[in-house]
Amino acid sequence: MGMPKVKPDNVIRHEVVLGRSERELLDTWTTAYTVNRVATPITGLLSSTAGVLLVAGLGLAYLEQYLPEDWTHRTESSLRDWFETENLVLGTAGFGIGAIIGGILFPGVGAVPGGIVGGIAGSTTQEVAEEAQAGGIPKAMSYGTFGQIVGIARVLKTTITELETK
């Protein structure tokens, strides 16, 4: 049987103060620890064929919501025609932005010419991108968002096909 513990009659508080270099070192260590805790499961997943298939499949499933149903069977020409939708989207977005800026810069009358200039600029941007692709610039750099989606979706589909045949 032990002796009873004596109650303390005073409390002493100790405080550790870190200097700037110690705080930076601790911050670096904390960041490295956090990144390691996040990166380790991801690299583990991507180091297996099943993990790559899972990630590629999820990515492709997400991208396919923005593509026409028969996108895998379309030619470059028919995809270019499908991208005309993007001309309308960029033209409309350009019109809206131009109208807002024109209305702010020239209250009352500036919204109409601003919208017209913005619409033309938005549609022209997509046409220039299509011409750049026809001239040999890679698709991911020449198309807008939809072109990049198709390019990435094709890469993912090819990756999935190759991994499934192994």
N, C-alpha and C. Protein backbone atom coordinates (compact mmCIF):
# COMPACT_ATOMS: atom_id res chain seq x y z
N MET A 1 0.84 -1.16 0.00
CA MET A 1 0.00 0.00 0.00
C MET A 1 0.90 1.23 0.00
N GLY A 2 0.59 2.19 -0.95
CA GLY A 2 1.44 3.36 -1.10
C GLY A 2 1.05 4.48 -0.17
N MET A 3 1.94 5.39 -0.11
CA MET A 3 1.68 6.56 0.74
C MET A 3 0.76 7.53 0.02
N PRO A 4 -0.05 8.26 0.75
CA PRO A 4 -0.94 9.24 0.11
C PRO A 4 -0.12 10.35 -0.55
N LYS A 5 -0.65 10.87 -1.66
CA LYS A 5 0.03 11.91 -2.43
C LYS A 5 -0.21 13.25 -1.76
N VAL A 6 0.86 14.03 -1.64
CA VAL A 6 0.76 15.35 -1.02
C VAL A 6 0.22 16.34 -2.03
N LYS A 7 -0.72 17.15 -1.60
CA LYS A 7 -1.28 18.17 -2.48
C LYS A 7 -0.25 19.27 -2.67
N PRO A 8 -0.13 19.79 -3.93
CA PRO A 8 0.85 20.86 -4.17
C PRO A 8 0.42 22.15 -3.47
N ASP A 9 1.42 22.90 -3.01
CA ASP A 9 1.10 24.16 -2.36
C ASP A 9 1.33 25.35 -3.29
N ASN A 10 2.01 25.12 -4.44
CA ASN A 10 2.14 26.18 -5.45
C ASN A 10 2.28 25.53 -6.83
N VAL A 11 2.06 26.32 -7.86
CA VAL A 11 2.13 25.84 -9.23
C VAL A 11 3.20 26.66 -9.95
N ILE A 12 4.09 25.96 -10.63
CA ILE A 12 5.12 26.64 -11.42
C ILE A 12 4.80 26.40 -12.89
N ARG A 13 4.75 27.48 -13.63
CA ARG A 13 4.44 27.40 -15.05
C ARG A 13 5.72 27.61 -15.84
N HIS A 14 6.02 26.70 -16.79
CA HIS A 14 7.19 26.81 -17.65
C HIS A 14 6.71 27.15 -19.05
N GLU A 15 7.36 28.05 -19.71
CA GLU A 15 6.98 28.46 -21.06
C GLU A 15 8.20 28.37 -21.96
N VAL A 16 8.03 27.73 -23.12
CA VAL A 16 9.11 27.62 -24.09
C VAL A 16 8.78 28.57 -25.24
N VAL A 17 9.70 29.46 -25.52
CA VAL A 17 9.52 30.43 -26.59
C VAL A 17 10.50 30.09 -27.70
N LEU A 18 9.96 29.90 -28.92
CA LEU A 18 10.81 29.58 -30.06
C LEU A 18 11.22 30.84 -30.79
N GLY A 19 12.43 30.84 -31.28
CA GLY A 19 12.90 31.94 -32.11
C GLY A 19 12.38 31.81 -33.52
N ARG A 20 12.68 32.78 -34.37
CA ARG A 20 12.18 32.78 -35.73
C ARG A 20 12.65 31.54 -36.50
N SER A 21 13.92 31.20 -36.40
CA SER A 21 14.44 30.05 -37.15
C SER A 21 13.81 28.75 -36.66
N GLU A 22 13.57 28.63 -35.36
CA GLU A 22 12.93 27.43 -34.83
C GLU A 22 11.48 27.32 -35.30
N ARG A 23 10.79 28.46 -35.35
CA ARG A 23 9.40 28.46 -35.83
C ARG A 23 9.36 28.06 -37.30
N GLU A 24 10.29 28.57 -38.11
CA GLU A 24 10.33 28.21 -39.53
C GLU A 24 10.63 26.73 -39.71
N LEU A 25 11.55 26.22 -38.90
CA LEU A 25 11.89 24.80 -38.96
C LEU A 25 10.69 23.94 -38.57
N LEU A 26 9.97 24.33 -37.54
CA LEU A 26 8.78 23.61 -37.11
C LEU A 26 7.69 23.68 -38.17
N ASP A 27 7.54 24.84 -38.81
CA ASP A 27 6.55 25.00 -39.87
C ASP A 27 6.90 24.09 -41.05
N THR A 28 8.15 24.03 -41.44
CA THR A 28 8.59 23.17 -42.53
C THR A 28 8.34 21.71 -42.19
N TRP A 29 8.65 21.31 -40.98
CA TRP A 29 8.43 19.94 -40.55
C TRP A 29 6.94 19.59 -40.58
N THR A 30 6.11 20.50 -40.09
CA THR A 30 4.66 20.26 -40.07
C THR A 30 4.13 20.11 -41.49
N THR A 31 4.57 20.97 -42.40
CA THR A 31 4.14 20.89 -43.79
C THR A 31 4.57 19.57 -44.41
N ALA A 32 5.83 19.19 -44.20
CA ALA A 32 6.33 17.93 -44.76
C ALA A 32 5.55 16.74 -44.20
N TYR A 33 5.26 16.75 -42.93
CA TYR A 33 4.51 15.67 -42.30
C TYR A 33 3.11 15.57 -42.90
N THR A 34 2.46 16.72 -43.07
CA THR A 34 1.10 16.74 -43.62
C THR A 34 1.10 16.23 -45.06
N VAL A 35 2.04 16.71 -45.87
CA VAL A 35 2.12 16.27 -47.27
C VAL A 35 2.36 14.77 -47.33
N ASN A 36 3.24 14.28 -46.48
CA ASN A 36 3.52 12.85 -46.45
C ASN A 36 2.27 12.04 -46.09
N ARG A 37 1.49 12.53 -45.14
CA ARG A 37 0.27 11.82 -44.73
C ARG A 37 -0.75 11.79 -45.87
N VAL A 38 -0.75 12.80 -46.73
CA VAL A 38 -1.69 12.84 -47.85
C VAL A 38 -1.13 12.09 -49.05
N ALA A 39 0.16 12.28 -49.34
CA ALA A 39 0.76 11.73 -50.55
C ALA A 39 0.96 10.22 -50.48
N THR A 40 1.24 9.68 -49.32
CA THR A 40 1.52 8.25 -49.21
C THR A 40 0.35 7.38 -49.69
N PRO A 41 -0.89 7.64 -49.26
CA PRO A 41 -1.99 6.80 -49.78
C PRO A 41 -2.21 7.00 -51.28
N ILE A 42 -2.00 8.22 -51.77
CA ILE A 42 -2.21 8.48 -53.20
C ILE A 42 -1.17 7.74 -54.03
N THR A 43 0.10 7.81 -53.64
CA THR A 43 1.13 7.09 -54.39
C THR A 43 0.94 5.59 -54.28
N GLY A 44 0.45 5.13 -53.15
CA GLY A 44 0.15 3.71 -53.01
C GLY A 44 -0.94 3.28 -53.98
N LEU A 45 -1.97 4.11 -54.11
CA LEU A 45 -3.07 3.82 -55.03
C LEU A 45 -2.58 3.82 -56.47
N LEU A 46 -1.78 4.83 -56.83
CA LEU A 46 -1.34 4.96 -58.21
C LEU A 46 -0.20 4.02 -58.58
N SER A 47 0.34 3.29 -57.63
CA SER A 47 1.42 2.35 -57.95
C SER A 47 0.87 1.00 -58.40
N SER A 48 -0.43 0.82 -58.34
CA SER A 48 -1.03 -0.45 -58.78
C SER A 48 -1.87 -0.22 -60.04
N THR A 49 -1.97 -1.24 -60.85
CA THR A 49 -2.77 -1.16 -62.07
C THR A 49 -4.23 -0.90 -61.73
N ALA A 50 -4.72 -1.55 -60.71
CA ALA A 50 -6.12 -1.35 -60.31
C ALA A 50 -6.36 0.09 -59.88
N GLY A 51 -5.41 0.68 -59.19
CA GLY A 51 -5.55 2.06 -58.75
C GLY A 51 -5.57 3.03 -59.92
N VAL A 52 -4.69 2.80 -60.89
CA VAL A 52 -4.66 3.66 -62.08
C VAL A 52 -5.96 3.50 -62.86
N LEU A 53 -6.44 2.26 -62.99
CA LEU A 53 -7.73 2.03 -63.66
C LEU A 53 -8.86 2.76 -62.95
N LEU A 54 -8.86 2.72 -61.64
CA LEU A 54 -9.90 3.39 -60.87
C LEU A 54 -9.87 4.89 -61.11
N VAL A 55 -8.70 5.49 -60.99
CA VAL A 55 -8.58 6.94 -61.15
C VAL A 55 -8.91 7.34 -62.59
N ALA A 56 -8.38 6.59 -63.57
CA ALA A 56 -8.66 6.91 -64.98
C ALA A 56 -10.14 6.75 -65.28
N GLY A 57 -10.74 5.69 -64.75
CA GLY A 57 -12.18 5.46 -64.98
C GLY A 57 -13.04 6.56 -64.39
N LEU A 58 -12.71 6.98 -63.18
CA LEU A 58 -13.46 8.07 -62.55
C LEU A 58 -13.29 9.37 -63.33
N GLY A 59 -12.06 9.63 -63.76
CA GLY A 59 -11.80 10.84 -64.55
C GLY A 59 -12.57 10.82 -65.86
N LEU A 60 -12.55 9.68 -66.53
CA LEU A 60 -13.27 9.56 -67.80
C LEU A 60 -14.77 9.68 -67.59
N ALA A 61 -15.28 9.06 -66.54
CA ALA A 61 -16.72 9.17 -66.26
C ALA A 61 -17.12 10.62 -66.01
N TYR A 62 -16.26 11.36 -65.34
CA TYR A 62 -16.55 12.78 -65.09
C TYR A 62 -16.52 13.57 -66.40
N LEU A 63 -15.51 13.34 -67.23
CA LEU A 63 -15.37 14.11 -68.47
C LEU A 63 -16.47 13.80 -69.47
N GLU A 64 -16.95 12.57 -69.48
CA GLU A 64 -17.95 12.18 -70.47
C GLU A 64 -19.27 12.94 -70.34
N GLN A 65 -19.51 13.55 -69.22
CA GLN A 65 -20.74 14.32 -69.09
C GLN A 65 -20.71 15.58 -69.96
N TYR A 66 -19.52 15.99 -70.39
CA TYR A 66 -19.38 17.19 -71.23
C TYR A 66 -19.22 16.85 -72.70
N LEU A 67 -19.19 15.59 -73.06
CA LEU A 67 -18.93 15.16 -74.43
C LEU A 67 -20.18 14.60 -75.08
N PRO A 68 -20.23 14.63 -76.42
CA PRO A 68 -21.35 13.97 -77.09
C PRO A 68 -21.26 12.46 -76.86
N GLU A 69 -22.39 11.78 -76.94
CA GLU A 69 -22.41 10.35 -76.61
C GLU A 69 -21.49 9.52 -77.50
N ASP A 70 -21.34 9.90 -78.76
CA ASP A 70 -20.52 9.10 -79.68
C ASP A 70 -19.13 9.71 -79.88
N TRP A 71 -18.60 10.35 -78.88
CA TRP A 71 -17.34 11.08 -79.02
C TRP A 71 -16.18 10.17 -79.42
N THR A 72 -16.21 8.92 -79.02
CA THR A 72 -15.09 8.03 -79.36
C THR A 72 -15.07 7.67 -80.84
N HIS A 73 -16.20 7.80 -81.51
CA HIS A 73 -16.29 7.43 -82.92
C HIS A 73 -16.26 8.64 -83.84
N ARG A 74 -16.16 9.82 -83.30
CA ARG A 74 -16.15 11.03 -84.13
C ARG A 74 -14.78 11.29 -84.73
N THR A 75 -14.79 11.86 -85.93
CA THR A 75 -13.54 12.26 -86.57
C THR A 75 -13.17 13.66 -86.10
N GLU A 76 -11.96 14.07 -86.45
CA GLU A 76 -11.53 15.42 -86.08
C GLU A 76 -12.46 16.47 -86.68
N SER A 77 -12.93 16.22 -87.91
CA SER A 77 -13.82 17.17 -88.58
C SER A 77 -15.15 17.29 -87.85
N SER A 78 -15.72 16.15 -87.47
CA SER A 78 -17.01 16.22 -86.78
C SER A 78 -16.86 16.80 -85.37
N LEU A 79 -15.71 16.56 -84.74
CA LEU A 79 -15.48 17.20 -83.44
C LEU A 79 -15.37 18.72 -83.59
N ARG A 80 -14.73 19.16 -84.67
CA ARG A 80 -14.62 20.59 -84.91
C ARG A 80 -16.01 21.21 -85.08
N ASP A 81 -16.89 20.49 -85.77
CA ASP A 81 -18.26 20.98 -85.91
C ASP A 81 -18.97 21.02 -84.56
N TRP A 82 -18.72 20.00 -83.74
CA TRP A 82 -19.32 19.97 -82.41
C TRP A 82 -18.83 21.14 -81.57
N PHE A 83 -17.58 21.56 -81.80
CA PHE A 83 -17.02 22.67 -81.03
C PHE A 83 -17.64 24.02 -81.40
N GLU A 84 -18.43 24.03 -82.47
CA GLU A 84 -19.12 25.29 -82.79
C GLU A 84 -19.99 25.73 -81.63
N THR A 85 -20.42 24.76 -80.83
CA THR A 85 -21.15 25.10 -79.61
C THR A 85 -20.30 26.00 -78.73
N GLU A 86 -19.01 25.71 -78.71
CA GLU A 86 -18.13 26.53 -77.88
C GLU A 86 -18.04 27.96 -78.43
N ASN A 87 -18.13 28.12 -79.76
CA ASN A 87 -18.15 29.48 -80.31
C ASN A 87 -19.32 30.27 -79.72
N LEU A 88 -20.47 29.61 -79.64
CA LEU A 88 -21.65 30.28 -79.09
C LEU A 88 -21.45 30.61 -77.61
N VAL A 89 -20.88 29.65 -76.88
CA VAL A 89 -20.67 29.86 -75.45
C VAL A 89 -19.69 31.02 -75.22
N LEU A 90 -18.55 30.98 -75.93
CA LEU A 90 -17.56 32.06 -75.76
C LEU A 90 -18.09 33.39 -76.26
N GLY A 91 -18.85 33.34 -77.35
CA GLY A 91 -19.45 34.58 -77.85
C GLY A 91 -20.44 35.18 -76.86
N THR A 92 -21.26 34.33 -76.27
CA THR A 92 -22.24 34.80 -75.28
C THR A 92 -21.55 35.33 -74.03
N ALA A 93 -20.52 34.59 -73.57
CA ALA A 93 -19.78 35.05 -72.39
C ALA A 93 -19.09 36.38 -72.69
N GLY A 94 -18.48 36.48 -73.88
CA GLY A 94 -17.83 37.73 -74.27
C GLY A 94 -18.82 38.88 -74.35
N PHE A 95 -20.03 38.60 -74.89
CA PHE A 95 -21.06 39.62 -74.96
C PHE A 95 -21.42 40.13 -73.57
N GLY A 96 -21.64 39.19 -72.65
CA GLY A 96 -22.01 39.57 -71.28
C GLY A 96 -20.94 40.39 -70.60
N ILE A 97 -19.70 39.93 -70.70
CA ILE A 97 -18.59 40.66 -70.06
C ILE A 97 -18.40 42.02 -70.71
N GLY A 98 -18.46 42.04 -72.04
CA GLY A 98 -18.31 43.32 -72.75
C GLY A 98 -19.41 44.30 -72.40
N ALA A 99 -20.65 43.81 -72.27
CA ALA A 99 -21.78 44.68 -71.92
C ALA A 99 -21.60 45.25 -70.51
N ILE A 100 -21.13 44.43 -69.60
CA ILE A 100 -20.91 44.92 -68.22
C ILE A 100 -19.82 45.98 -68.20
N ILE A 101 -18.70 45.68 -68.85
CA ILE A 101 -17.58 46.64 -68.85
C ILE A 101 -17.98 47.91 -69.58
N GLY A 102 -18.64 47.75 -70.75
CA GLY A 102 -19.09 48.94 -71.50
C GLY A 102 -20.07 49.77 -70.70
N GLY A 103 -20.98 49.11 -69.99
CA GLY A 103 -21.95 49.83 -69.17
C GLY A 103 -21.31 50.58 -68.02
N ILE A 104 -20.23 50.02 -67.47
CA ILE A 104 -19.54 50.69 -66.37
C ILE A 104 -18.73 51.87 -66.88
N LEU A 105 -18.01 51.65 -68.01
CA LEU A 105 -17.16 52.72 -68.54
C LEU A 105 -17.96 53.86 -69.17
N PHE A 106 -19.04 53.50 -69.84
CA PHE A 106 -19.87 54.50 -70.51
C PHE A 106 -21.33 54.27 -70.12
N PRO A 107 -21.74 54.74 -68.95
CA PRO A 107 -23.10 54.48 -68.47
C PRO A 107 -24.16 54.89 -69.49
N GLY A 108 -25.15 54.02 -69.63
CA GLY A 108 -26.28 54.31 -70.51
C GLY A 108 -26.10 53.73 -71.90
N VAL A 109 -25.05 54.16 -72.62
CA VAL A 109 -24.91 53.74 -74.01
C VAL A 109 -23.79 52.72 -74.23
N GLY A 110 -22.94 52.52 -73.25
CA GLY A 110 -21.76 51.68 -73.45
C GLY A 110 -22.02 50.19 -73.44
N ALA A 111 -23.14 49.76 -72.90
CA ALA A 111 -23.41 48.33 -72.79
C ALA A 111 -23.60 47.68 -74.16
N VAL A 112 -24.27 48.37 -75.07
CA VAL A 112 -24.53 47.77 -76.38
C VAL A 112 -23.25 47.59 -77.19
N PRO A 113 -22.46 48.67 -77.41
CA PRO A 113 -21.22 48.44 -78.16
C PRO A 113 -20.25 47.52 -77.42
N GLY A 114 -20.21 47.60 -76.10
CA GLY A 114 -19.34 46.71 -75.32
C GLY A 114 -19.73 45.27 -75.51
N GLY A 115 -21.03 45.00 -75.51
CA GLY A 115 -21.52 43.64 -75.72
C GLY A 115 -21.20 43.12 -77.11
N ILE A 116 -21.35 43.98 -78.10
CA ILE A 116 -21.05 43.57 -79.48
C ILE A 116 -19.56 43.24 -79.63
N VAL A 117 -18.71 44.11 -79.13
CA VAL A 117 -17.26 43.87 -79.21
C VAL A 117 -16.89 42.62 -78.42
N GLY A 118 -17.45 42.44 -77.24
CA GLY A 118 -17.16 41.25 -76.44
C GLY A 118 -17.62 39.97 -77.11
N GLY A 119 -18.79 39.99 -77.73
CA GLY A 119 -19.30 38.81 -78.43
C GLY A 119 -18.42 38.43 -79.60
N ILE A 120 -18.01 39.42 -80.36
CA ILE A 120 -17.12 39.16 -81.50
C ILE A 120 -15.78 38.62 -81.01
N ALA A 121 -15.24 39.22 -79.95
CA ALA A 121 -13.95 38.78 -79.40
C ALA A 121 -14.03 37.34 -78.88
N GLY A 122 -15.11 36.99 -78.20
CA GLY A 122 -15.25 35.64 -77.66
C GLY A 122 -15.33 34.59 -78.76
N SER A 123 -16.15 34.86 -79.78
CA SER A 123 -16.29 33.91 -80.88
C SER A 123 -15.01 33.81 -81.70
N THR A 124 -14.35 34.95 -81.91
CA THR A 124 -13.09 34.97 -82.66
C THR A 124 -12.01 34.18 -81.93
N THR A 125 -11.99 34.26 -80.64
CA THR A 125 -11.00 33.51 -79.86
C THR A 125 -11.09 32.03 -80.16
N GLN A 126 -12.31 31.48 -80.20
CA GLN A 126 -12.47 30.06 -80.49
C GLN A 126 -12.09 29.74 -81.92
N GLU A 127 -12.43 30.59 -82.86
CA GLU A 127 -12.07 30.35 -84.26
C GLU A 127 -10.56 30.34 -84.44
N VAL A 128 -9.87 31.26 -83.77
CA VAL A 128 -8.41 31.30 -83.83
C VAL A 128 -7.82 30.01 -83.26
N ALA A 129 -8.41 29.52 -82.17
CA ALA A 129 -7.93 28.27 -81.57
C ALA A 129 -8.12 27.10 -82.53
N GLU A 130 -9.25 27.06 -83.23
CA GLU A 130 -9.49 25.98 -84.18
C GLU A 130 -8.50 26.04 -85.34
N GLU A 131 -8.22 27.25 -85.82
CA GLU A 131 -7.25 27.41 -86.90
C GLU A 131 -5.85 27.03 -86.45
N ALA A 132 -5.52 27.36 -85.22
CA ALA A 132 -4.20 27.01 -84.68
C ALA A 132 -4.04 25.50 -84.64
N GLN A 133 -5.11 24.79 -84.27
CA GLN A 133 -5.04 23.33 -84.23
C GLN A 133 -4.88 22.78 -85.65
N ALA A 134 -5.58 23.35 -86.60
CA ALA A 134 -5.46 22.90 -87.99
C ALA A 134 -4.04 23.16 -88.51
N GLY A 135 -3.37 24.18 -87.94
CA GLY A 135 -2.00 24.50 -88.35
C GLY A 135 -0.94 23.67 -87.65
N GLY A 136 -1.34 22.76 -86.77
CA GLY A 136 -0.37 21.87 -86.17
C GLY A 136 -0.11 22.07 -84.69
N ILE A 137 -0.71 23.09 -84.09
CA ILE A 137 -0.52 23.28 -82.65
C ILE A 137 -1.30 22.19 -81.93
N PRO A 138 -0.71 21.59 -80.89
CA PRO A 138 -1.40 20.50 -80.18
C PRO A 138 -2.79 20.90 -79.70
N LYS A 139 -3.69 19.92 -79.72
CA LYS A 139 -5.09 20.16 -79.37
C LYS A 139 -5.27 20.80 -78.00
N ALA A 140 -4.53 20.31 -77.03
CA ALA A 140 -4.70 20.83 -75.67
C ALA A 140 -4.35 22.31 -75.59
N MET A 141 -3.51 22.79 -76.51
CA MET A 141 -3.14 24.21 -76.48
C MET A 141 -4.03 25.05 -77.39
N SER A 142 -4.61 24.44 -78.43
CA SER A 142 -5.34 25.23 -79.40
C SER A 142 -6.83 25.31 -79.12
N TYR A 143 -7.44 24.25 -78.65
CA TYR A 143 -8.86 24.29 -78.34
C TYR A 143 -9.07 24.95 -77.00
N GLY A 144 -10.32 25.28 -76.77
CA GLY A 144 -10.67 25.79 -75.46
C GLY A 144 -10.94 24.63 -74.52
N THR A 145 -11.77 24.86 -73.56
CA THR A 145 -12.06 23.87 -72.52
C THR A 145 -12.60 22.57 -73.09
N PHE A 146 -13.53 22.62 -74.03
CA PHE A 146 -14.11 21.39 -74.55
C PHE A 146 -13.07 20.54 -75.28
N GLY A 147 -12.19 21.18 -76.02
CA GLY A 147 -11.13 20.44 -76.71
C GLY A 147 -10.21 19.76 -75.74
N GLN A 148 -9.91 20.41 -74.67
CA GLN A 148 -9.06 19.80 -73.65
C GLN A 148 -9.77 18.61 -73.01
N ILE A 149 -11.06 18.73 -72.82
CA ILE A 149 -11.82 17.62 -72.25
C ILE A 149 -11.75 16.40 -73.16
N VAL A 150 -11.93 16.62 -74.47
CA VAL A 150 -11.87 15.51 -75.41
C VAL A 150 -10.47 14.89 -75.41
N GLY A 151 -9.45 15.73 -75.44
CA GLY A 151 -8.08 15.23 -75.44
C GLY A 151 -7.77 14.39 -74.22
N ILE A 152 -8.15 14.89 -73.06
CA ILE A 152 -7.90 14.16 -71.81
C ILE A 152 -8.73 12.88 -71.78
N ALA A 153 -9.98 12.96 -72.23
CA ALA A 153 -10.84 11.77 -72.24
C ALA A 153 -10.24 10.69 -73.15
N ARG A 154 -9.68 11.09 -74.29
CA ARG A 154 -9.07 10.10 -75.19
C ARG A 154 -7.85 9.45 -74.54
N VAL A 155 -7.05 10.26 -73.87
CA VAL A 155 -5.87 9.70 -73.19
C VAL A 155 -6.32 8.72 -72.10
N LEU A 156 -7.33 9.09 -71.32
CA LEU A 156 -7.82 8.20 -70.27
C LEU A 156 -8.40 6.91 -70.85
N LYS A 157 -9.16 7.03 -71.94
CA LYS A 157 -9.75 5.84 -72.56
C LYS A 157 -8.66 4.92 -73.08
N THR A 158 -7.62 5.48 -73.71
CA THR A 158 -6.51 4.69 -74.20
C THR A 158 -5.78 4.01 -73.04
N THR A 159 -5.56 4.73 -71.97
CA THR A 159 -4.90 4.16 -70.78
C THR A 159 -5.70 3.01 -70.22
N ILE A 160 -7.01 3.20 -70.09
CA ILE A 160 -7.87 2.14 -69.55
C ILE A 160 -7.82 0.91 -70.46
N THR A 161 -7.90 1.12 -71.77
CA THR A 161 -7.87 0.00 -72.72
C THR A 161 -6.55 -0.77 -72.62
N GLU A 162 -5.44 -0.02 -72.55
CA GLU A 162 -4.14 -0.68 -72.47
C GLU A 162 -4.00 -1.45 -71.16
N LEU A 163 -4.47 -0.89 -70.07
CA LEU A 163 -4.34 -1.58 -68.78
C LEU A 163 -5.25 -2.80 -68.70
N GLU A 164 -6.41 -2.73 -69.35
CA GLU A 164 -7.33 -3.87 -69.31
C GLU A 164 -6.80 -5.05 -70.13
N THR A 165 -5.98 -4.77 -71.16
CA THR A 165 -5.47 -5.85 -72.00
C THR A 165 -4.21 -6.49 -71.42
N LYS A 166 -3.66 -5.94 -70.35
CA LYS A 166 -2.45 -6.53 -69.75
C LYS A 166 -2.79 -7.70 -68.90
